[in-house]
Protein backbone atom coordinates (compact mmCIF):
# COMPACT_ATOMS: atom_id res chain seq x y z
CA MET A 1 -7.63 5.10 19.47
CA GLU A 2 -8.31 2.42 16.75
CA TYR A 3 -10.42 2.61 14.05
CA VAL A 4 -13.27 -0.66 13.99
CA ALA A 5 -14.59 -1.22 10.81
CA GLU A 6 -16.89 -4.09 9.81
CA THR A 7 -15.33 -5.78 7.16
CA ALA A 8 -11.91 -5.82 5.36
CA ARG A 9 -12.95 -4.88 1.89
CA ASN A 10 -13.70 -1.37 1.02
CA PRO A 11 -13.92 -0.74 4.71
CA PHE A 12 -14.45 2.94 4.75
CA GLY A 13 -17.56 2.86 2.44
CA LEU A 14 -15.73 4.94 -0.42
CA SER A 15 -18.07 5.41 -3.48
CA PRO A 16 -15.89 5.34 -6.75
CA PRO A 17 -17.08 6.98 -9.92
CA CYS A 18 -17.45 3.91 -12.02
CA ASP A 19 -19.39 0.91 -12.49
CA ARG A 20 -16.31 -1.72 -11.25
CA ALA A 21 -13.78 -0.77 -8.89
CA VAL A 22 -11.41 -2.51 -6.02
CA PRO A 23 -11.28 -0.51 -3.14
CA GLY A 24 -8.81 -0.96 -0.43
CA TYR A 25 -8.63 -4.49 1.71
CA GLY A 26 -7.40 -5.34 4.91
CA ASP A 27 -6.40 -3.86 8.46
CA VAL A 28 -7.42 -0.65 9.06
CA ASN A 29 -5.10 -0.37 12.05
CA ALA A 30 -2.33 -1.42 9.70
CA ASP A 31 1.45 -0.74 9.83
CA PHE A 32 1.91 -1.40 6.54
CA HIS A 33 -0.16 -0.13 3.14
CA ILE A 34 1.09 -1.59 -0.03
CA ILE A 35 -0.01 0.45 -2.58
CA GLY A 36 -0.41 -0.40 -6.24
CA ASP A 37 -1.22 1.55 -9.36
CA ASN A 38 -4.46 0.09 -10.83
CA PRO A 39 -6.73 -2.88 -11.52
CA GLY A 40 -5.46 -2.96 -15.42
CA VAL A 41 -2.21 -3.24 -14.15
CA HIS A 42 -2.41 -5.04 -10.70
CA GLY A 43 -5.98 -7.04 -11.16
CA GLY A 44 -8.43 -7.61 -8.71
CA LEU A 45 -11.18 -6.97 -10.59
CA ASP A 46 -13.57 -10.39 -9.98
CA SER A 47 -12.48 -11.12 -6.23
CA GLY A 48 -11.88 -7.29 -5.41
CA ILE A 49 -8.92 -7.72 -3.65
CA PRO A 50 -5.92 -5.37 -4.96
CA PHE A 51 -3.51 -7.92 -6.76
CA ASP A 52 -5.38 -10.87 -7.63
CA GLY A 53 -6.14 -12.73 -10.34
CA GLU A 54 -2.78 -12.15 -12.23
CA PRO A 55 -0.52 -15.03 -13.03
CA TRP A 56 1.90 -13.87 -10.37
CA SER A 57 -0.59 -13.06 -7.57
CA GLU A 58 0.06 -16.68 -5.39
CA THR A 59 3.96 -15.62 -5.73
CA PHE A 60 3.23 -12.26 -4.38
CA PHE A 61 1.04 -13.33 -1.78
CA GLU A 62 3.35 -16.07 -0.97
CA THR A 63 6.00 -13.60 -0.46
CA LEU A 64 3.39 -10.97 1.56
CA VAL A 65 3.05 -14.34 3.98
CA GLN A 66 6.50 -15.15 4.52
CA ALA A 67 6.98 -11.36 5.59
CA GLY A 68 4.41 -11.32 8.09
CA LEU A 69 2.26 -9.27 6.45
CA LEU A 70 -0.25 -11.78 5.65
CA ALA A 71 -1.55 -14.30 7.88
CA ASP A 72 -3.33 -16.66 5.10
CA VAL A 73 -4.27 -16.53 1.30
CA ASP A 74 -6.89 -19.22 -0.29
CA PRO A 75 -6.87 -18.69 -3.90
CA ARG A 76 -9.82 -21.09 -3.91
CA ASP A 77 -12.16 -19.28 -1.95
CA GLU A 78 -10.52 -16.09 -2.88
CA THR A 79 -9.86 -14.90 0.01
CA VAL A 80 -6.73 -13.04 1.90
CA THR A 81 -6.10 -12.99 5.59
CA THR A 82 -4.29 -9.44 6.63
CA SER A 83 -2.08 -8.97 9.00
CA GLY A 84 -1.23 -5.47 9.80
CA THR A 85 -1.54 -4.86 6.63
CA PHE A 86 -3.91 -2.59 4.11
CA LEU A 87 -4.01 -3.16 0.26
CA SER A 88 -4.98 -0.59 -1.98
CA TYR A 89 -4.41 1.54 -5.47
CA LEU A 90 -3.67 4.47 -6.68
CA HIS A 91 -6.43 4.26 -9.26
CA MET A 92 -9.08 1.95 -7.82
CA CYS A 93 -11.55 2.14 -11.04
CA GLU A 94 -11.45 0.03 -14.28
CA THR A 95 -10.27 1.81 -16.99
CA ASP A 96 -9.91 1.04 -21.06
CA ALA A 97 -6.76 -1.12 -22.07
CA ASP A 98 -4.80 2.27 -22.38
CA GLY A 99 -5.03 2.63 -18.81
CA PRO A 100 -5.93 6.03 -16.60
CA ASP A 101 -4.45 9.42 -18.10
CA GLU A 102 -3.39 12.16 -16.14
CA GLU A 103 -6.54 13.54 -15.54
CA SER A 104 -8.19 10.40 -14.59
CA TYR A 105 -5.37 9.75 -11.73
CA ALA A 106 -5.90 13.10 -10.54
CA ARG A 107 -9.43 12.57 -10.29
CA LEU A 108 -9.42 9.43 -8.22
CA GLU A 109 -6.61 10.37 -5.92
CA PRO A 110 -8.68 12.15 -3.25
CA LEU A 111 -9.87 8.52 -2.59
CA PHE A 112 -6.65 7.02 -2.63
CA ASP A 113 -5.33 9.60 -0.40
CA ALA A 114 -8.60 10.03 2.01
CA GLU A 115 -7.53 5.64 2.58
CA LEU A 116 -4.22 6.52 3.19
CA ARG A 117 -5.16 8.73 5.70
CA ALA A 118 -7.51 7.09 7.54
CA ILE A 119 -4.89 3.72 7.89
CA THR A 120 -1.75 6.41 8.63
CA ALA A 121 0.05 2.98 8.37
CA HIS A 122 4.11 3.63 9.48
CA VAL A 123 5.04 1.57 6.21
CA LEU A 124 4.30 2.83 2.62
CA VAL A 125 5.09 -0.08 -0.13
CA PRO A 126 4.12 1.39 -3.57
CA VAL A 127 4.41 -1.23 -5.84
CA GLY A 128 5.62 -0.46 -9.19
CA PRO A 129 7.40 2.99 -10.93
CA THR A 130 3.64 4.93 -11.19
CA ALA A 131 2.97 4.29 -7.75
CA THR A 132 6.19 5.04 -6.38
CA ALA A 133 6.82 7.84 -8.23
CA HIS A 134 3.05 9.34 -7.00
CA ILE A 135 4.58 8.69 -3.07
CA VAL A 136 8.06 9.52 -3.20
CA GLN A 137 6.74 13.24 -5.06
CA ASN A 138 3.51 14.23 -2.28
CA TYR A 139 4.92 12.17 0.59
CA THR A 140 9.33 13.25 0.80
CA ALA A 141 10.91 16.30 0.06
CA ARG A 142 12.29 14.02 -2.88
CA VAL A 143 12.11 14.75 -6.58
CA PRO A 144 11.37 11.38 -8.04
CA ALA A 145 13.09 10.20 -11.24
CA ASP A 146 11.03 9.83 -14.35
CA PRO A 147 10.76 7.01 -14.34
CA PRO A 148 12.33 6.01 -11.14
CA GLU A 149 15.09 3.22 -11.39
CA MET A 150 12.92 0.23 -9.64
CA ASP A 151 16.27 -2.34 -9.92
CA GLU A 152 17.96 0.33 -7.57
CA ARG A 153 14.75 1.18 -5.48
CA HIS A 154 13.71 -2.50 -5.08
CA ALA A 155 13.49 -3.01 -1.17
CA SER A 156 15.23 -0.17 -0.17
CA ASP A 157 13.53 1.88 2.29
CA LEU A 158 13.62 5.83 2.47
CA ARG A 159 12.21 8.33 4.88
CA GLY A 160 8.94 10.33 4.09
CA SER A 161 7.01 12.73 5.82
CA GLY A 162 5.67 11.10 8.67
CA PHE A 163 6.03 7.91 6.99
CA LEU A 164 8.73 5.26 5.94
CA ILE A 165 8.58 4.13 2.32
CA LEU A 166 9.79 0.84 0.75
CA PRO A 167 9.42 0.61 -2.87
CA ILE A 168 9.19 -2.39 -4.43
CA LYS A 169 9.27 -3.57 -7.90
CA SER A 170 5.86 -4.37 -9.84
CA PRO A 171 5.37 -8.53 -9.25
CA GLU A 172 5.14 -9.28 -12.92
CA THR A 173 8.86 -8.02 -13.08
CA TRP A 174 11.14 -10.02 -10.32
CA GLY A 175 14.00 -11.49 -10.44
CA ARG A 176 15.26 -14.51 -8.90
CA ASP A 177 16.27 -12.76 -6.00
CA ASP A 178 13.58 -10.08 -5.78
CA ALA A 179 10.99 -11.48 -3.32
CA ASP A 180 13.74 -12.58 -0.90
CA ARG A 181 14.97 -9.32 -0.86
CA PHE A 182 11.87 -7.93 0.00
CA VAL A 183 11.33 -10.22 2.87
CA ALA A 184 14.53 -9.36 4.47
CA GLN A 185 14.28 -5.67 4.84
CA VAL A 186 10.94 -6.15 6.57
CA GLU A 187 12.33 -8.43 8.72
CA ALA A 188 14.97 -5.69 8.97
CA LEU A 189 12.60 -3.26 9.54
CA GLY A 190 10.72 -5.38 12.28
CA ASP A 191 14.05 -5.69 14.05
CA ALA A 192 14.14 -2.05 14.16
CA ASP A 193 11.97 0.79 15.48
CA TYR A 194 10.18 2.07 11.66
CA HIS A 195 7.09 3.40 14.31
CA GLN A 196 6.92 6.97 13.78
CA ILE A 197 5.33 8.59 16.68
CA SER A 198 4.35 12.25 17.16
CA ASP A 199 3.65 14.04 21.01
CA LEU A 200 0.89 16.33 20.70
CA GLY A 201 0.80 16.77 24.30
CA ARG A 202 2.55 20.08 24.14
CA PHE A 203 -0.76 21.25 23.03
CA ILE A 204 -2.64 20.40 25.51
CA PRO A 205 -3.07 21.77 28.59
CA GLY A 206 -1.74 19.95 32.01
CA GLY A 207 1.20 18.85 29.77
CA ASP A 208 0.39 15.14 29.71
CA PRO A 209 1.51 13.04 26.72
CA TYR A 210 -0.77 12.47 23.65
CA LEU A 211 1.31 10.31 21.27
CA VAL A 212 -0.15 9.62 17.64
CA ARG A 213 1.14 8.20 14.84
């Protein structure tokens, strides 16, 4: 069963506890869920699109297009057309210059988790050390380094609890080969079977298969 949303921006109608926020954006039936930190780090407050409005945004979006995760980007109209991809933040609210503290992350985490579980993407792509540490700690059996070694982790997949996880460095830190490494890894995943499917039919009378993400 697929969920049908009327809009790509904040498709689940979340109401964050702040005046300015960047809720999730994209395909609600996405295979890939790209997860950033917060608008102060990764942008988007003006357009409402995660990862927009930063000096590196054009390169980042072009990389997602090359990887087949976005269909089109039009900076003039501030539109992004996703292709089986959802974009969101751990902490969707605007904060002061110091960024979110631990309590603020904890307060916003249920909204992020609600988006993640509603999307049920097969591949989680945490962007930068904060998102990577959160995803590894909460959705795998591993204990993340503090902070994670992003040069080593970049575009290297690992299995999580029902998800494949593909961490990447924060775009403002990308070197010459980082975009190509990410595109190549996404293409390699496309040649393999990254879908993680469970058969719940064994719990239903009759024994017919019931496959879910």
